[in-house]
C-alpha atoms as a PDB file:
ATOM      1  CA  MET A   1       0.015  -0.019  -0.104  1.00  0.00           C
ATOM      2  CA  ILE A   2       1.406   3.339  -1.163  1.00  0.00           C
ATOM      3  CA  ILE A   3      -0.463   6.585  -0.573  1.00  0.00           C
ATOM      4  CA  ALA A   4       0.443  10.267  -1.153  1.00  0.00           C
ATOM      5  CA  LEU A   5      -1.295  12.983   0.727  1.00  0.00           C
ATOM      6  CA  ILE A   6      -1.042  16.427  -1.136  1.00  0.00           C
ATOM      7  CA  GLY A   7      -2.332  19.992   0.231  1.00  0.00           C
ATOM      8  CA  ASN A   8      -2.156  22.342   2.858  1.00  0.00           C
ATOM      9  CA  ASP A   9      -4.991  21.240   4.877  1.00  0.00           C
ATOM     10  CA  ASP A  10      -2.548  20.206   7.860  1.00  0.00           C
ATOM     11  CA  PHE A  11      -5.180  19.023  10.373  1.00  0.00           C
ATOM     12  CA  SER A  12      -6.753  16.847   7.859  1.00  0.00           C
ATOM     13  CA  LYS A  13      -3.651  15.472   6.732  1.00  0.00           C
ATOM     14  CA  ASP A  14      -2.536  14.559  10.497  1.00  0.00           C
ATOM     15  CA  MET A  15      -5.846  12.837  11.036  1.00  0.00           C
ATOM     16  CA  ARG A  16      -5.505  10.893   7.814  1.00  0.00           C
ATOM     17  CA  ILE A  17      -1.934   9.933   8.929  1.00  0.00           C
ATOM     18  CA  GLU A  18      -3.470   8.772  12.103  1.00  0.00           C
ATOM     19  CA  LYS A  19      -5.960   6.583  10.366  1.00  0.00           C
ATOM     20  CA  PHE A  20      -3.220   5.087   8.016  1.00  0.00           C
ATOM     21  CA  LEU A  21      -1.111   3.996  11.057  1.00  0.00           C
ATOM     22  CA  GLN A  22      -4.481   2.572  12.762  1.00  0.00           C
ATOM     23  CA  ASP A  23      -5.571   0.747   9.708  1.00  0.00           C
ATOM     24  CA  THR A  24      -2.071  -0.727   8.917  1.00  0.00           C
ATOM     25  CA  LEU A  25      -0.781  -1.495  12.442  1.00  0.00           C
ATOM     26  CA  GLY A  26      -3.865  -1.866  14.604  1.00  0.00           C
ATOM     27  CA  ASP A  27      -2.646  -2.509  18.220  1.00  0.00           C
ATOM     28  CA  ARG A  28       0.985  -2.035  17.273  1.00  0.00           C
ATOM     29  CA  LYS A  29       0.359   1.664  16.243  1.00  0.00           C
ATOM     30  CA  ASP A  30       2.335   2.916  19.262  1.00  0.00           C
ATOM     31  CA  ASP A  31       5.119   0.244  18.768  1.00  0.00           C
ATOM     32  CA  PRO A  32       8.220   2.222  17.537  1.00  0.00           C
ATOM     33  CA  MET A  33       9.823  -1.236  16.099  1.00  0.00           C
ATOM     34  CA  ALA A  34       6.807  -1.616  13.694  1.00  0.00           C
ATOM     35  CA  LYS A  35       6.983   1.799  11.989  1.00  0.00           C
ATOM     36  CA  GLN A  36       9.468   4.664  10.847  1.00  0.00           C
ATOM     37  CA  ILE A  37       8.333   8.539  10.573  1.00  0.00           C
ATOM     38  CA  LEU A  38      11.040  10.202   8.523  1.00  0.00           C
ATOM     39  CA  PHE A  39      11.162  13.931   7.794  1.00  0.00           C
ATOM     40  CA  ALA A  40      12.471  14.923   4.313  1.00  0.00           C
ATOM     41  CA  THR A  41      13.992  18.113   6.367  1.00  0.00           C
ATOM     42  CA  ASP A  42      16.096  16.048   8.842  1.00  0.00           C
ATOM     43  CA  PRO A  43      19.577  17.299   8.284  1.00  0.00           C
ATOM     44  CA  ASN A  44      20.809  14.111   9.986  1.00  0.00           C
ATOM     45  CA  ILE A  45      19.826  11.797   7.570  1.00  0.00           C
ATOM     46  CA  ALA A  46      22.104  11.722   4.408  1.00  0.00           C
ATOM     47  CA  SER A  47      19.735  10.361   2.027  1.00  0.00           C
ATOM     48  CA  ILE A  48      16.032  10.119   2.551  1.00  0.00           C
ATOM     49  CA  ALA A  49      15.642   7.805  -0.424  1.00  0.00           C
ATOM     50  CA  GLU A  50      17.862   5.489   0.873  1.00  0.00           C
ATOM     51  CA  SER A  51      16.322   5.377   4.523  1.00  0.00           C
ATOM     52  CA  VAL A  52      13.110   4.883   2.952  1.00  0.00           C
ATOM     53  CA  ILE A  53      13.825   2.022   0.707  1.00  0.00           C
ATOM     54  CA  THR A  54      16.042   0.332   3.453  1.00  0.00           C
ATOM     55  CA  ALA A  55      12.989   0.749   6.011  1.00  0.00           C
ATOM     56  CA  CYS A  56      10.364  -0.442   3.330  1.00  0.00           C
ATOM     57  CA  ASP A  57      12.773  -3.622   2.838  1.00  0.00           C
ATOM     58  CA  SER A  58      13.466  -4.149   6.516  1.00  0.00           C
ATOM     59  CA  VAL A  59      11.540  -6.254   9.233  1.00  0.00           C
ATOM     60  CA  SER A  60      11.540  -6.482  12.692  1.00  0.00           C
ATOM     61  CA  MET A  61      11.346  -9.695  15.110  1.00  0.00           C
ATOM     62  CA  PHE A  62       7.805  -8.548  15.852  1.00  0.00           C
ATOM     63  CA  SER A  63       6.295  -7.622  12.511  1.00  0.00           C
ATOM     64  CA  PRO A  64       6.511  -8.717   8.670  1.00  0.00           C
ATOM     65  CA  GLU A  65       7.434  -5.345   7.425  1.00  0.00           C
ATOM     66  CA  GLN A  66       7.509  -1.942   8.774  1.00  0.00           C
ATOM     67  CA  THR A  67       5.054   0.936   8.001  1.00  0.00           C
ATOM     68  CA  VAL A  68       6.894   3.921   6.686  1.00  0.00           C
ATOM     69  CA  VAL A  69       5.672   7.455   6.840  1.00  0.00           C
ATOM     70  CA  VAL A  70       7.670  10.492   5.083  1.00  0.00           C
ATOM     71  CA  ARG A  71       6.649  14.039   6.229  1.00  0.00           C
ATOM     72  CA  LYS A  72       7.511  17.094   4.448  1.00  0.00           C
ATOM     73  CA  ALA A  73       8.187  15.157   1.229  1.00  0.00           C
ATOM     74  CA  ASP A  74       8.129  18.381  -0.969  1.00  0.00           C
ATOM     75  CA  GLU A  75      11.442  19.130   0.447  1.00  0.00           C
ATOM     76  CA  LEU A  76      12.962  15.973  -0.953  1.00  0.00           C
ATOM     77  CA  LYS A  77      16.157  16.712  -2.822  1.00  0.00           C
ATOM     78  CA  ALA A  78      16.515  16.286  -6.506  1.00  0.00           C
ATOM     79  CA  ASP A  79      18.718  13.086  -5.987  1.00  0.00           C
ATOM     80  CA  ASP A  80      16.491  11.547  -3.531  1.00  0.00           C
ATOM     81  CA  THR A  81      13.311  12.357  -5.842  1.00  0.00           C
ATOM     82  CA  ARG A  82      15.087  10.757  -8.805  1.00  0.00           C
ATOM     83  CA  GLU A  83      15.938   7.395  -6.655  1.00  0.00           C
ATOM     84  CA  LEU A  84      12.578   7.170  -5.143  1.00  0.00           C
ATOM     85  CA  THR A  85      10.923   7.667  -8.824  1.00  0.00           C
ATOM     86  CA  LYS A  86      13.250   4.702 -10.006  1.00  0.00           C
ATOM     87  CA  TRP A  87      12.441   2.692  -7.056  1.00  0.00           C
ATOM     88  CA  LEU A  88       8.759   2.952  -7.262  1.00  0.00           C
ATOM     89  CA  SER A  89       8.824   2.224 -10.783  1.00  0.00           C
ATOM     90  CA  HIS A  90       9.409  -1.331  -9.594  1.00  0.00           C
ATOM     91  CA  LYS A  91       5.994  -1.487  -7.796  1.00  0.00           C
ATOM     92  CA  PRO A  92       7.574  -2.434  -4.608  1.00  0.00           C
ATOM     93  CA  ASN A  93       5.446  -4.091  -1.985  1.00  0.00           C
ATOM     94  CA  CYS A  94       5.326  -1.988   1.000  1.00  0.00           C
ATOM     95  CA  THR A  95       3.244   0.113   3.509  1.00  0.00           C
ATOM     96  CA  LEU A  96       4.413   3.667   2.736  1.00  0.00           C
ATOM     97  CA  LEU A  97       2.862   6.972   3.109  1.00  0.00           C
ATOM     98  CA  PHE A  98       4.092  10.359   1.557  1.00  0.00           C
ATOM     99  CA  GLU A  99       2.963  13.633   2.785  1.00  0.00           C
ATOM    100  CA  PHE A 100       3.458  16.661   0.562  1.00  0.00           C
ATOM    101  CA  SER A 101       2.215  20.355   0.883  1.00  0.00           C
ATOM    102  CA  LYS A 102       2.466  20.646  -2.903  1.00  0.00           C
ATOM    103  CA  LEU A 103       3.654  18.303  -5.712  1.00  0.00           C
ATOM    104  CA  ASP A 104       3.620  19.028  -9.587  1.00  0.00           C
ATOM    105  CA  GLY A 105       1.443  16.876 -11.104  1.00  0.00           C
ATOM    106  CA  ARG A 106       3.703  16.868 -14.261  1.00  0.00           C
ATOM    107  CA  GLY A 107       6.537  15.762 -12.211  1.00  0.00           C
ATOM    108  CA  GLU A 108       7.859  12.001 -12.544  1.00  0.00           C
ATOM    109  CA  LEU A 109       7.473  11.336  -8.935  1.00  0.00           C
ATOM    110  CA  TYR A 110       3.860  12.265  -9.050  1.00  0.00           C
ATOM    111  CA  LYS A 111       3.316  10.118 -12.009  1.00  0.00           C
ATOM    112  CA  ALA A 112       5.081   7.135 -10.256  1.00  0.00           C
ATOM    113  CA  LEU A 113       3.180   7.467  -7.146  1.00  0.00           C
ATOM    114  CA  LYS A 114      -0.009   7.541  -9.116  1.00  0.00           C
ATOM    115  CA  SER A 115       0.792   4.513 -11.086  1.00  0.00           C
ATOM    116  CA  VAL A 116       1.683   2.300  -7.782  1.00  0.00           C
ATOM    117  CA  GLY A 117      -0.585   3.904  -5.235  1.00  0.00           C
ATOM    118  CA  GLU A 118      -3.196   6.295  -4.465  1.00  0.00           C
ATOM    119  CA  ILE A 119      -3.092  10.186  -4.688  1.00  0.00           C
ATOM    120  CA  GLU A 120      -5.379  12.021  -1.829  1.00  0.00           C
ATOM    121  CA  LYS A 121      -5.868  15.908  -2.057  1.00  0.00           C
ATOM    122  CA  PHE A 122      -6.132  17.892   1.215  1.00  0.00           C
ATOM    123  CA  ASP A 123      -6.704  21.421  -0.001  1.00  0.00           C
ATOM    124  CA  GLU A 124      -7.076  23.920   2.663  1.00  0.00           C
ATOM    125  CA  PRO A 125     -10.605  25.724   2.805  1.00  0.00           C
ATOM    126  CA  PRO A 126     -10.784  29.046   1.019  1.00  0.00           C
ATOM    127  CA  GLN A 127     -11.346  31.944   3.741  1.00  0.00           C
ATOM    128  CA  TYR A 128     -15.042  32.489   3.016  1.00  0.00           C
ATOM    129  CA  LYS A 129     -15.743  28.912   4.009  1.00  0.00           C
ATOM    130  CA  MET A 130     -13.452  28.632   7.025  1.00  0.00           C
ATOM    131  CA  ALA A 131     -16.682  29.026   9.374  1.00  0.00           C
ATOM    132  CA  ASP A 132     -18.293  26.334   7.848  1.00  0.00           C
ATOM    133  CA  TRP A 133     -15.326  23.982   7.933  1.00  0.00           C
ATOM    134  CA  ILE A 134     -14.958  24.802  11.778  1.00  0.00           C
ATOM    135  CA  ALA A 135     -18.776  24.232  12.540  1.00  0.00           C
ATOM    136  CA  ALA A 136     -18.307  20.549  10.968  1.00  0.00           C
ATOM    137  CA  ALA A 137     -14.846  19.849  12.312  1.00  0.00           C
ATOM    138  CA  ILE A 138     -14.965  20.960  15.756  1.00  0.00           C
ATOM    139  CA  PRO A 139     -17.842  18.756  17.052  1.00  0.00           C
ATOM    140  CA  SER A 140     -16.750  15.713  15.429  1.00  0.00           C
ATOM    141  CA  HIS A 141     -13.215  15.847  16.586  1.00  0.00           C
ATOM    142  CA  PHE A 142     -13.717  17.464  20.014  1.00  0.00           C
ATOM    143  CA  ASN A 143     -17.138  16.193  20.785  1.00  0.00           C
ATOM    144  CA  LYS A 144     -18.282  19.616  21.866  1.00  0.00           C
ATOM    145  CA  ALA A 145     -20.691  21.916  20.203  1.00  0.00           C
ATOM    146  CA  ILE A 146     -19.860  25.120  19.017  1.00  0.00           C
ATOM    147  CA  ASP A 147     -21.618  28.419  18.633  1.00  0.00           C
ATOM    148  CA  ARG A 148     -21.935  29.870  14.920  1.00  0.00           C
ATOM    149  CA  ASP A 149     -20.901  33.181  16.158  1.00  0.00           C
ATOM    150  CA  ALA A 150     -17.561  31.455  17.710  1.00  0.00           C
ATOM    151  CA  CYS A 151     -16.861  29.730  14.383  1.00  0.00           C
ATOM    152  CA  TYR A 152     -17.009  33.242  12.589  1.00  0.00           C
ATOM    153  CA  TYR A 153     -14.470  34.614  15.291  1.00  0.00           C
ATOM    154  CA  LEU A 154     -12.193  31.903  14.866  1.00  0.00           C
ATOM    155  CA  ALA A 155     -12.289  32.008  11.369  1.00  0.00           C
ATOM    156  CA  ASP A 156     -11.598  35.679  11.411  1.00  0.00           C
ATOM    157  CA  ALA A 157      -8.862  35.555  13.778  1.00  0.00           C
ATOM    158  CA  LEU A 158      -6.941  32.621  12.731  1.00  0.00           C
ATOM    159  CA  GLY A 159      -7.553  32.273   8.976  1.00  0.00           C
ATOM    160  CA  ASN A 160      -7.812  29.235   7.050  1.00  0.00           C
ATOM    161  CA  LYS A 161      -4.776  27.375   8.659  1.00  0.00           C
ATOM    162  CA  THR A 162      -6.773  24.305   9.836  1.00  0.00           C
ATOM    163  CA  LYS A 163      -4.182  23.067  12.274  1.00  0.00           C
ATOM    164  CA  ILE A 164      -3.810  26.257  14.015  1.00  0.00           C
ATOM    165  CA  VAL A 165      -7.532  26.764  14.513  1.00  0.00           C
ATOM    166  CA  CYS A 166      -7.658  22.903  15.880  1.00  0.00           C
ATOM    167  CA  GLU A 167      -4.637  23.615  18.169  1.00  0.00           C
ATOM    168  CA  GLU A 168      -6.173  26.887  19.478  1.00  0.00           C
ATOM    169  CA  VAL A 169      -9.530  25.029  20.078  1.00  0.00           C
ATOM    170  CA  GLU A 170      -7.567  22.414  22.075  1.00  0.00           C
ATOM    171  CA  LYS A 171      -6.085  25.239  24.278  1.00  0.00           C
ATOM    172  CA  VAL A 172      -9.623  26.665  24.865  1.00  0.00           C
ATOM    173  CA  LEU A 173     -10.890  23.070  26.125  1.00  0.00           C
ATOM    174  CA  MET A 174      -7.751  22.669  28.322  1.00  0.00           C
ATOM    175  CA  TYR A 175      -8.776  25.874  30.112  1.00  0.00           C
ATOM    176  CA  ASP A 176     -12.372  24.845  30.396  1.00  0.00           C
ATOM    177  CA  PRO A 177     -12.719  20.937  29.765  1.00  0.00           C
ATOM    178  CA  ASN A 178     -16.263  21.003  31.429  1.00  0.00           C
ATOM    179  CA  CYS A 179     -17.900  23.232  29.175  1.00  0.00           C
ATOM    180  CA  LYS A 180     -21.002  22.333  27.524  1.00  0.00           C
ATOM    181  CA  LYS A 181     -20.362  24.233  24.400  1.00  0.00           C
ATOM    182  CA  ILE A 182     -17.635  26.273  22.932  1.00  0.00           C
ATOM    183  CA  THR A 183     -19.031  30.091  22.958  1.00  0.00           C
ATOM    184  CA  LEU A 184     -18.024  33.385  21.535  1.00  0.00           C
ATOM    185  CA  ASP A 185     -17.326  34.651  24.941  1.00  0.00           C
ATOM    186  CA  LEU A 186     -14.898  31.559  25.675  1.00  0.00           C
ATOM    187  CA  VAL A 187     -12.946  31.716  22.297  1.00  0.00           C
ATOM    188  CA  LYS A 188     -12.580  35.597  22.616  1.00  0.00           C
ATOM    189  CA  SER A 189     -11.202  35.160  26.331  1.00  0.00           C
ATOM    190  CA  MET A 190      -8.533  32.622  25.006  1.00  0.00           C
ATOM    191  CA  VAL A 191      -7.851  33.174  21.275  1.00  0.00           C
ATOM    192  CA  VAL A 192      -6.102  36.215  20.215  1.00  0.00           C
ATOM    193  CA  PRO A 193      -6.291  37.416  16.588  1.00  0.00           C
ATOM    194  CA  GLN A 194      -3.153  36.256  14.680  1.00  0.00           C
ATOM    195  CA  ARG A 195      -4.271  36.524  11.028  1.00  0.00           C
ATOM    196  CA  LYS A 196      -2.680  39.048   8.935  1.00  0.00           C
ATOM    197  CA  ASN A 197      -5.119  41.135   6.779  1.00  0.00           C
ATOM    198  CA  ALA A 198      -5.146  39.958   3.020  1.00  0.00           C
ATOM    199  CA  SER A 199      -4.807  42.688   0.675  1.00  0.00           C
ATOM    200  CA  TYR A 200      -8.158  41.910  -0.751  1.00  0.00           C
ATOM    201  CA  GLU A 201     -10.119  42.358   2.151  1.00  0.00           C
ATOM    202  CA  ILE A 202      -9.916  46.206   1.893  1.00  0.00           C
ATOM    203  CA  ASN A 203     -11.928  45.990  -1.441  1.00  0.00           C
ATOM    204  CA  THR A 204     -15.459  45.679  -0.034  1.00  0.00           C
ATOM    205  CA  PRO A 205     -15.217  48.985   2.357  1.00  0.00           C
ATOM    206  CA  PHE A 206     -13.558  50.724  -0.629  1.00  0.00           C
ATOM    207  CA  GLY A 207     -16.300  49.522  -3.070  1.00  0.00           C
ATOM    208  CA  LEU A 208     -18.814  51.082  -0.638  1.00  0.00           C
ATOM    209  CA  ARG A 209     -16.982  54.106  -0.051  1.00  0.00           C
ATOM    210  CA  ASP A 210     -17.417  53.374   3.756  1.00  0.00           C
ATOM    211  CA  VAL A 211     -14.951  56.135   4.743  1.00  0.00           C
ATOM    212  CA  LYS A 212     -14.771  54.991   8.546  1.00  0.00           C
ATOM    213  CA  ALA A 213     -14.385  51.237   7.773  1.00  0.00           C
ATOM    214  CA  TYR A 214     -12.071  51.790   4.684  1.00  0.00           C
ATOM    215  CA  THR A 215      -9.376  54.308   6.471  1.00  0.00           C
ATOM    216  CA  ARG A 216      -9.724  51.744   9.726  1.00  0.00           C
ATOM    217  CA  LEU A 217      -8.766  48.625   7.886  1.00  0.00           C
ATOM    218  CA  LEU A 218      -6.034  50.650   5.764  1.00  0.00           C
ATOM    219  CA  ASN A 219      -4.485  51.906   8.911  1.00  0.00           C
ATOM    220  CA  GLU A 220      -4.708  48.456  10.404  1.00  0.00           C
ATOM    221  CA  MET A 221      -3.148  46.710   7.416  1.00  0.00           C
ATOM    222  CA  PHE A 222      -0.005  49.073   7.432  1.00  0.00           C
ATOM    223  CA  ARG A 223       0.527  48.448  11.217  1.00  0.00           C
ATOM    224  CA  ASN A 224       0.397  44.748  10.450  1.00  0.00           C
ATOM    225  CA  GLY A 225       3.137  44.822   8.003  1.00  0.00           C
ATOM    226  CA  VAL A 226       1.041  44.637   4.577  1.00  0.00           C
ATOM    227  CA  GLU A 227       2.835  46.166   1.765  1.00  0.00           C
ATOM    228  CA  ALA A 228       1.292  49.137  -0.240  1.00  0.00           C
ATOM    229  CA  VAL A 229       1.879  47.631  -3.617  1.00  0.00           C
ATOM    230  CA  PRO A 230      -0.184  44.434  -3.069  1.00  0.00           C
ATOM    231  CA  ILE A 231      -3.010  46.742  -1.774  1.00  0.00           C
ATOM    232  CA  VAL A 232      -2.877  49.081  -4.731  1.00  0.00           C
ATOM    233  CA  ALA A 233      -2.868  46.161  -7.051  1.00  0.00           C
ATOM    234  CA  SER A 234      -5.995  44.616  -5.299  1.00  0.00           C
ATOM    235  CA  LEU A 235      -7.934  47.779  -5.362  1.00  0.00           C
ATOM    236  CA  TYR A 236      -6.737  48.434  -9.233  1.00  0.00           C
ATOM    237  CA  TYR A 237      -8.076  45.096 -10.451  1.00  0.00           C
ATOM    238  CA  TYR A 238     -11.208  45.237  -8.030  1.00  0.00           C
ATOM    239  CA  ALA A 239     -12.073  48.696  -9.514  1.00  0.00           C
ATOM    240  CA  ILE A 240     -11.656  47.414 -12.903  1.00  0.00           C
ATOM    241  CA  ASP A 241     -13.915  44.303 -11.867  1.00  0.00           C
ATOM    242  CA  LEU A 242     -16.387  46.943 -10.561  1.00  0.00           C
ATOM    243  CA  LEU A 243     -16.360  48.919 -13.737  1.00  0.00           C
ATOM    244  CA  ASN A 244     -17.036  45.889 -15.796  1.00  0.00           C
ATOM    245  CA  PHE A 245     -19.741  44.790 -13.644  1.00  0.00           C
ATOM    246  CA  MET A 246     -21.533  48.125 -13.937  1.00  0.00           C
ATOM    247  CA  THR A 247     -21.303  47.886 -17.694  1.00  0.00           C
ATOM    248  CA  LEU A 248     -22.659  44.370 -17.654  1.00  0.00           C
ATOM    249  CA  THR A 249     -25.478  45.197 -15.350  1.00  0.00           C
ATOM    250  CA  GLU A 250     -26.480  48.313 -17.390  1.00  0.00           C
ATOM    251  CA  LYS A 251     -27.121  45.942 -20.291  1.00  0.00           C
ATOM    252  CA  LYS A 252     -29.832  44.454 -18.242  1.00  0.00           C
ATOM    253  CA  MET A 253     -27.792  41.429 -17.197  1.00  0.00           C
ATOM    254  CA  SER A 254     -28.396  39.951 -13.851  1.00  0.00           C
ATOM    255  CA  PRO A 255     -25.874  40.357 -11.048  1.00  0.00           C
ATOM    256  CA  ALA A 256     -25.471  36.539 -11.196  1.00  0.00           C
ATOM    257  CA  ASP A 257     -24.819  36.466 -14.989  1.00  0.00           C
ATOM    258  CA  ALA A 258     -22.637  39.287 -14.797  1.00  0.00           C
ATOM    259  CA  ALA A 259     -20.337  37.627 -12.253  1.00  0.00           C
ATOM    260  CA  LYS A 260     -20.556  34.502 -14.276  1.00  0.00           C
ATOM    261  CA  ALA A 261     -19.221  36.345 -17.578  1.00  0.00           C
ATOM    262  CA  MET A 262     -16.621  37.862 -15.669  1.00  0.00           C
ATOM    263  CA  GLY A 263     -15.433  34.491 -14.431  1.00  0.00           C
ATOM    264  CA  LYS A 264     -16.368  35.345 -10.876  1.00  0.00           C
ATOM    265  CA  ASN A 265     -17.987  33.376  -7.978  1.00  0.00           C
ATOM    266  CA  ASP A 266     -21.556  34.509  -7.678  1.00  0.00           C
ATOM    267  CA  TYR A 267     -21.608  33.980  -3.881  1.00  0.00           C
ATOM    268  CA  VAL A 268     -18.149  35.589  -3.268  1.00  0.00           C
ATOM    269  CA  PHE A 269     -18.650  38.451  -5.413  1.00  0.00           C
ATOM    270  CA  ASN A 270     -22.148  39.449  -4.940  1.00  0.00           C
ATOM    271  CA  LYS A 271     -23.128  38.164  -1.837  1.00  0.00           C
ATOM    272  CA  LEU A 272     -20.042  38.624   0.353  1.00  0.00           C
ATOM    273  CA  GLY A 273     -18.414  41.342  -1.785  1.00  0.00           C
ATOM    274  CA  ARG A 274     -21.774  43.199  -2.246  1.00  0.00           C
ATOM    275  CA  ALA A 275     -20.860  44.183  -5.600  1.00  0.00           C
ATOM    276  CA  PRO A 276     -24.522  45.285  -6.802  1.00  0.00           C
ATOM    277  CA  GLU A 277     -24.440  47.653  -3.790  1.00  0.00           C
ATOM    278  CA  CYS A 278     -21.096  48.979  -4.233  1.00  0.00           C
ATOM    279  CA  ALA A 279     -21.744  49.643  -8.099  1.00  0.00           C
ATOM    280  CA  LYS A 280     -24.403  52.050  -6.873  1.00  0.00           C
ATOM    281  CA  ARG A 281     -21.882  54.002  -4.993  1.00  0.00           C
ATOM    282  CA  TRP A 282     -19.749  54.997  -7.757  1.00  0.00           C
ATOM    283  CA  SER A 283     -20.218  56.897 -11.170  1.00  0.00           C
ATOM    284  CA  LYS A 284     -18.088  55.508 -14.220  1.00  0.00           C
ATOM    285  CA  PRO A 285     -16.321  58.969 -14.544  1.00  0.00           C
ATOM    286  CA  LEU A 286     -15.355  58.929 -10.670  1.00  0.00           C
ATOM    287  CA  LEU A 287     -14.249  55.173 -11.094  1.00  0.00           C
ATOM    288  CA  CYS A 288     -12.258  55.695 -14.108  1.00  0.00           C
ATOM    289  CA  ARG A 289     -10.351  58.408 -12.433  1.00  0.00           C
ATOM    290  CA  VAL A 290      -9.635  56.417  -9.367  1.00  0.00           C
ATOM    291  CA  ILE A 291      -8.343  53.798 -11.489  1.00  0.00           C
ATOM    292  CA  ARG A 292      -5.951  56.078 -13.129  1.00  0.00           C
ATOM    293  CA  ARG A 293      -4.813  57.345  -9.830  1.00  0.00           C
ATOM    294  CA  LEU A 294      -4.250  54.004  -8.589  1.00  0.00           C
ATOM    295  CA  SER A 295      -1.912  53.559 -11.506  1.00  0.00           C
ATOM    296  CA  ASP A 296      -0.137  56.696 -10.648  1.00  0.00           C
ATOM    297  CA  ILE A 297       0.279  55.899  -6.985  1.00  0.00           C
ATOM    298  CA  ASP A 298       1.889  52.326  -7.859  1.00  0.00           C
ATOM    299  CA  TYR A 299       4.358  53.990 -10.392  1.00  0.00           C
ATOM    300  CA  GLU A 300       5.171  56.533  -7.322  1.00  0.00           C
ATOM    301  CA  ILE A 301       5.731  53.777  -4.906  1.00  0.00           C
ATOM    302  CA  LYS A 302       7.895  51.781  -7.119  1.00  0.00           C
ATOM    303  CA  SER A 303       9.907  54.669  -8.334  1.00  0.00           C
ATOM    304  CA  GLY A 304      10.585  56.050  -4.872  1.00  0.00           C
ATOM    305  CA  LYS A 305       8.353  59.149  -5.228  1.00  0.00           C
ATOM    306  CA  CYS A 306       6.232  57.849  -2.495  1.00  0.00           C
ATOM    307  CA  SER A 307       8.524  55.829  -0.368  1.00  0.00           C
ATOM    308  CA  THR A 308       7.046  56.502   3.335  1.00  0.00           C
ATOM    309  CA  LYS A 309       4.275  54.478   4.988  1.00  0.00           C
ATOM    310  CA  ILE A 310       2.287  57.596   6.045  1.00  0.00           C
ATOM    311  CA  ALA A 311       2.456  59.036   2.495  1.00  0.00           C
ATOM    312  CA  GLN A 312       1.355  55.800   1.028  1.00  0.00           C
ATOM    313  CA  GLU A 313      -1.589  55.529   3.418  1.00  0.00           C
ATOM    314  CA  LEU A 314      -2.661  59.072   2.731  1.00  0.00           C
ATOM    315  CA  ALA A 315      -2.492  58.675  -0.902  1.00  0.00           C
ATOM    316  CA  LEU A 316      -4.850  55.624  -0.775  1.00  0.00           C
ATOM    317  CA  ALA A 317      -6.998  57.073   2.006  1.00  0.00           C
ATOM    318  CA  ALA A 318      -7.872  60.101  -0.561  1.00  0.00           C
ATOM    319  CA  LEU A 319      -9.204  57.657  -2.967  1.00  0.00           C
ATOM    320  CA  VAL A 320     -12.213  57.473  -0.815  1.00  0.00           C
ATOM    321  CA  VAL A 321     -12.109  60.290   1.492  1.00  0.00           C
ATOM    322  CA  ARG A 322     -13.270  63.199  -0.635  1.00  0.00           C
END
């Protein structure tokens, strides 16, 4: 049995690895002689490929074969990748699992793994679905109910890193193990926001021309270390999308059809991003001037004419504050 796990959903991958060890080893899951856990980043291992091949071919006095798990396999050296690809081409009879964050589907190692085993994908949920993921995962894993508001808070505070979210929930339950339900007040008292603002998050208050929310978020992003260039780029492309959306809806196209024509997700663009409402807040001539100004700001930042954080923040704030 050869399995490759690929993706950034670290929590789900960890659960799959535990299941793999349980299924293959049963009562011997905790027996160190029955398994080997190797890390491709381990500097004390000269050749991961050689270690994997040796471990898969070895036996202990208590079991006919060893179960081998290779963590962080995307860090394999080129020589190890070639050697493992060659070895896998012989279809070895072994119990082996590789864990990757990413693996190029066009590469020889991917093709070799697919030909002799199973490829399982573990993509982390997008940010807008993270609250739903928490609502489903926490009760099943921790056997505790969780308020919907607590799910939204955790998603907003921690982002879409599933393992971090579950580690933080585990800390909450260590603090109050007898709680009947994980509430908003409980997680707020224990979980500190640590997610950096993604540059695209400023698009909606910009589109709504909400001066208070826009300037507050803009200031927060600069204080959290977000660079001005990605903010400018996000606003520039969003403004163009909004201009295209206005043009399409003026032709009697529905918001859902307009989003589809633009290659956008209707729920994200229209419901979460509130594009129809944003479109009503701008005139086309004003939006075109803002797009040109964003292009100028981008040039001024990259050429050093607008090099200080305060100057960049003021220039971006002036787009909405009029």
